[in-house]
Amino acid sequence: MERLQVILYYKYLGFSLEKIAELLKEERTDLLLHLTR
């Protein structure tokens, strides 16, 4: 369920599904790092 929430947050922020998939493939995804971009 946590993973789905992360996907929905990224989608809400305007990230494409392709970019979200790429970010989730990273071993340690830092949500705050991506939010500050």
PDB file of N, CA and C in Angstrom:
ATOM      1  N   MET A   1       0.824  -1.191   0.000  1.00  0.00           N
ATOM      2  CA  MET A   1       0.000   0.000   0.000  1.00  0.00           C
ATOM      3  C   MET A   1       0.869   1.257   0.000  1.00  0.00           C
ATOM      4  N   GLU A   2       1.982   1.212   0.704  1.00  0.00           N
ATOM      5  CA  GLU A   2       2.876   2.369   0.766  1.00  0.00           C
ATOM      6  C   GLU A   2       3.395   2.739  -0.623  1.00  0.00           C
ATOM      7  N   ARG A   3       3.722   1.731  -1.412  1.00  0.00           N
ATOM      8  CA  ARG A   3       4.238   1.987  -2.765  1.00  0.00           C
ATOM      9  C   ARG A   3       3.187   2.686  -3.627  1.00  0.00           C
ATOM     10  N   LEU A   4       1.945   2.269  -3.504  1.00  0.00           N
ATOM     11  CA  LEU A   4       0.861   2.902  -4.256  1.00  0.00           C
ATOM     12  C   LEU A   4       0.703   4.364  -3.850  1.00  0.00           C
ATOM     13  N   GLN A   5       0.829   4.652  -2.569  1.00  0.00           N
ATOM     14  CA  GLN A   5       0.731   6.034  -2.104  1.00  0.00           C
ATOM     15  C   GLN A   5       1.839   6.889  -2.705  1.00  0.00           C
ATOM     16  N   VAL A   6       3.046   6.353  -2.762  1.00  0.00           N
ATOM     17  CA  VAL A   6       4.168   7.085  -3.353  1.00  0.00           C
ATOM     18  C   VAL A   6       3.888   7.365  -4.821  1.00  0.00           C
ATOM     19  N   ILE A   7       3.389   6.367  -5.537  1.00  0.00           N
ATOM     20  CA  ILE A   7       3.064   6.546  -6.958  1.00  0.00           C
ATOM     21  C   ILE A   7       2.014   7.646  -7.119  1.00  0.00           C
ATOM     22  N   LEU A   8       0.993   7.614  -6.298  1.00  0.00           N
ATOM     23  CA  LEU A   8      -0.068   8.619  -6.388  1.00  0.00           C
ATOM     24  C   LEU A   8       0.442  10.017  -6.060  1.00  0.00           C
ATOM     25  N   TYR A   9       1.351  10.131  -5.083  1.00  0.00           N
ATOM     26  CA  TYR A   9       1.938  11.438  -4.757  1.00  0.00           C
ATOM     27  C   TYR A   9       2.713  11.984  -5.941  1.00  0.00           C
ATOM     28  N   TYR A  10       3.562  11.146  -6.522  1.00  0.00           N
ATOM     29  CA  TYR A  10       4.349  11.593  -7.674  1.00  0.00           C
ATOM     30  C   TYR A  10       3.434  11.996  -8.826  1.00  0.00           C
ATOM     31  N   LYS A  11       2.395  11.213  -9.077  1.00  0.00           N
ATOM     32  CA  LYS A  11       1.463  11.509 -10.171  1.00  0.00           C
ATOM     33  C   LYS A  11       0.739  12.831  -9.904  1.00  0.00           C
ATOM     34  N   TYR A  12       0.325  13.042  -8.678  1.00  0.00           N
ATOM     35  CA  TYR A  12      -0.343  14.284  -8.295  1.00  0.00           C
ATOM     36  C   TYR A  12       0.562  15.490  -8.531  1.00  0.00           C
ATOM     37  N   LEU A  13       1.862  15.295  -8.314  1.00  0.00           N
ATOM     38  CA  LEU A  13       2.830  16.377  -8.492  1.00  0.00           C
ATOM     39  C   LEU A  13       3.212  16.595  -9.949  1.00  0.00           C
ATOM     40  N   GLY A  14       2.683  15.755 -10.843  1.00  0.00           N
ATOM     41  CA  GLY A  14       2.904  15.988 -12.262  1.00  0.00           C
ATOM     42  C   GLY A  14       3.975  15.127 -12.901  1.00  0.00           C
ATOM     43  N   PHE A  15       4.516  14.162 -12.163  1.00  0.00           N
ATOM     44  CA  PHE A  15       5.509  13.265 -12.747  1.00  0.00           C
ATOM     45  C   PHE A  15       4.813  12.306 -13.710  1.00  0.00           C
ATOM     46  N   SER A  16       5.476  11.976 -14.815  1.00  0.00           N
ATOM     47  CA  SER A  16       4.920  10.994 -15.750  1.00  0.00           C
ATOM     48  C   SER A  16       5.076   9.598 -15.150  1.00  0.00           C
ATOM     49  N   LEU A  17       4.267   8.669 -15.626  1.00  0.00           N
ATOM     50  CA  LEU A  17       4.375   7.295 -15.127  1.00  0.00           C
ATOM     51  C   LEU A  17       5.739   6.698 -15.440  1.00  0.00           C
ATOM     52  N   GLU A  18       6.303   7.076 -16.583  1.00  0.00           N
ATOM     53  CA  GLU A  18       7.634   6.579 -16.947  1.00  0.00           C
ATOM     54  C   GLU A  18       8.678   7.074 -15.950  1.00  0.00           C
ATOM     55  N   LYS A  19       8.589   8.350 -15.565  1.00  0.00           N
ATOM     56  CA  LYS A  19       9.538   8.926 -14.608  1.00  0.00           C
ATOM     57  C   LYS A  19       9.347   8.306 -13.228  1.00  0.00           C
ATOM     58  N   ILE A  20       8.106   8.077 -12.842  1.00  0.00           N
ATOM     59  CA  ILE A  20       7.823   7.452 -11.553  1.00  0.00           C
ATOM     60  C   ILE A  20       8.428   6.057 -11.506  1.00  0.00           C
ATOM     61  N   ALA A  21       8.259   5.294 -12.582  1.00  0.00           N
ATOM     62  CA  ALA A  21       8.825   3.945 -12.638  1.00  0.00           C
ATOM     63  C   ALA A  21      10.340   4.003 -12.504  1.00  0.00           C
ATOM     64  N   GLU A  22      10.950   4.969 -13.175  1.00  0.00           N
ATOM     65  CA  GLU A  22      12.402   5.127 -13.106  1.00  0.00           C
ATOM     66  C   GLU A  22      12.840   5.455 -11.674  1.00  0.00           C
ATOM     67  N   LEU A  23      12.112   6.347 -11.016  1.00  0.00           N
ATOM     68  CA  LEU A  23      12.458   6.737  -9.654  1.00  0.00           C
ATOM     69  C   LEU A  23      12.293   5.574  -8.682  1.00  0.00           C
ATOM     70  N   LEU A  24      11.260   4.763  -8.888  1.00  0.00           N
ATOM     71  CA  LEU A  24      11.008   3.648  -7.978  1.00  0.00           C
ATOM     72  C   LEU A  24      12.001   2.508  -8.174  1.00  0.00           C
ATOM     73  N   LYS A  25      12.646   2.464  -9.338  1.00  0.00           N
ATOM     74  CA  LYS A  25      13.658   1.436  -9.573  1.00  0.00           C
ATOM     75  C   LYS A  25      14.929   1.703  -8.778  1.00  0.00           C
ATOM     76  N   GLU A  26      15.151   2.982  -8.434  1.00  0.00           N
ATOM     77  CA  GLU A  26      16.314   3.325  -7.632  1.00  0.00           C
ATOM     78  C   GLU A  26      16.196   2.628  -6.282  1.00  0.00           C
ATOM     79  N   GLU A  27      17.317   2.184  -5.777  1.00  0.00           N
ATOM     80  CA  GLU A  27      17.292   1.417  -4.532  1.00  0.00           C
ATOM     81  C   GLU A  27      16.753   2.240  -3.367  1.00  0.00           C
ATOM     82  N   ARG A  28      17.231   3.458  -3.241  1.00  0.00           N
ATOM     83  CA  ARG A  28      16.773   4.334  -2.155  1.00  0.00           C
ATOM     84  C   ARG A  28      16.198   5.602  -2.764  1.00  0.00           C
ATOM     85  N   THR A  29      14.907   5.657  -2.874  1.00  0.00           N
ATOM     86  CA  THR A  29      14.258   6.833  -3.428  1.00  0.00           C
ATOM     87  C   THR A  29      13.984   7.809  -2.294  1.00  0.00           C
ATOM     88  N   ASP A  30      14.515   9.009  -2.430  1.00  0.00           N
ATOM     89  CA  ASP A  30      14.324  10.051  -1.427  1.00  0.00           C
ATOM     90  C   ASP A  30      13.252  11.013  -1.932  1.00  0.00           C
ATOM     91  N   LEU A  31      12.071  10.911  -1.389  1.00  0.00           N
ATOM     92  CA  LEU A  31      10.945  11.723  -1.838  1.00  0.00           C
ATOM     93  C   LEU A  31      11.259  13.211  -1.735  1.00  0.00           C
ATOM     94  N   LEU A  32      11.873  13.636  -0.637  1.00  0.00           N
ATOM     95  CA  LEU A  32      12.161  15.061  -0.464  1.00  0.00           C
ATOM     96  C   LEU A  32      13.128  15.572  -1.512  1.00  0.00           C
ATOM     97  N   LEU A  33      14.080  14.766  -1.906  1.00  0.00           N
ATOM     98  CA  LEU A  33      15.029  15.167  -2.938  1.00  0.00           C
ATOM     99  C   LEU A  33      14.296  15.463  -4.243  1.00  0.00           C
ATOM    100  N   HIS A  34      13.350  14.624  -4.600  1.00  0.00           N
ATOM    101  CA  HIS A  34      12.603  14.817  -5.844  1.00  0.00           C
ATOM    102  C   HIS A  34      11.635  15.991  -5.744  1.00  0.00           C
ATOM    103  N   LEU A  35      11.129  16.235  -4.562  1.00  0.00           N
ATOM    104  CA  LEU A  35      10.192  17.345  -4.391  1.00  0.00           C
ATOM    105  C   LEU A  35      10.877  18.691  -4.534  1.00  0.00           C
ATOM    106  N   THR A  36      12.169  18.751  -4.237  1.00  0.00           N
ATOM    107  CA  THR A  36      12.889  20.023  -4.315  1.00  0.00           C
ATOM    108  C   THR A  36      13.407  20.316  -5.710  1.00  0.00           C
ATOM    109  N   ARG A  37      13.252  19.419  -6.650  1.00  0.00           N
ATOM    110  CA  ARG A  37      13.724  19.634  -8.022  1.00  0.00           C
ATOM    111  C   ARG A  37      12.829  20.570  -8.773  1.00  0.00           C
TER     112      ARG A  37
END
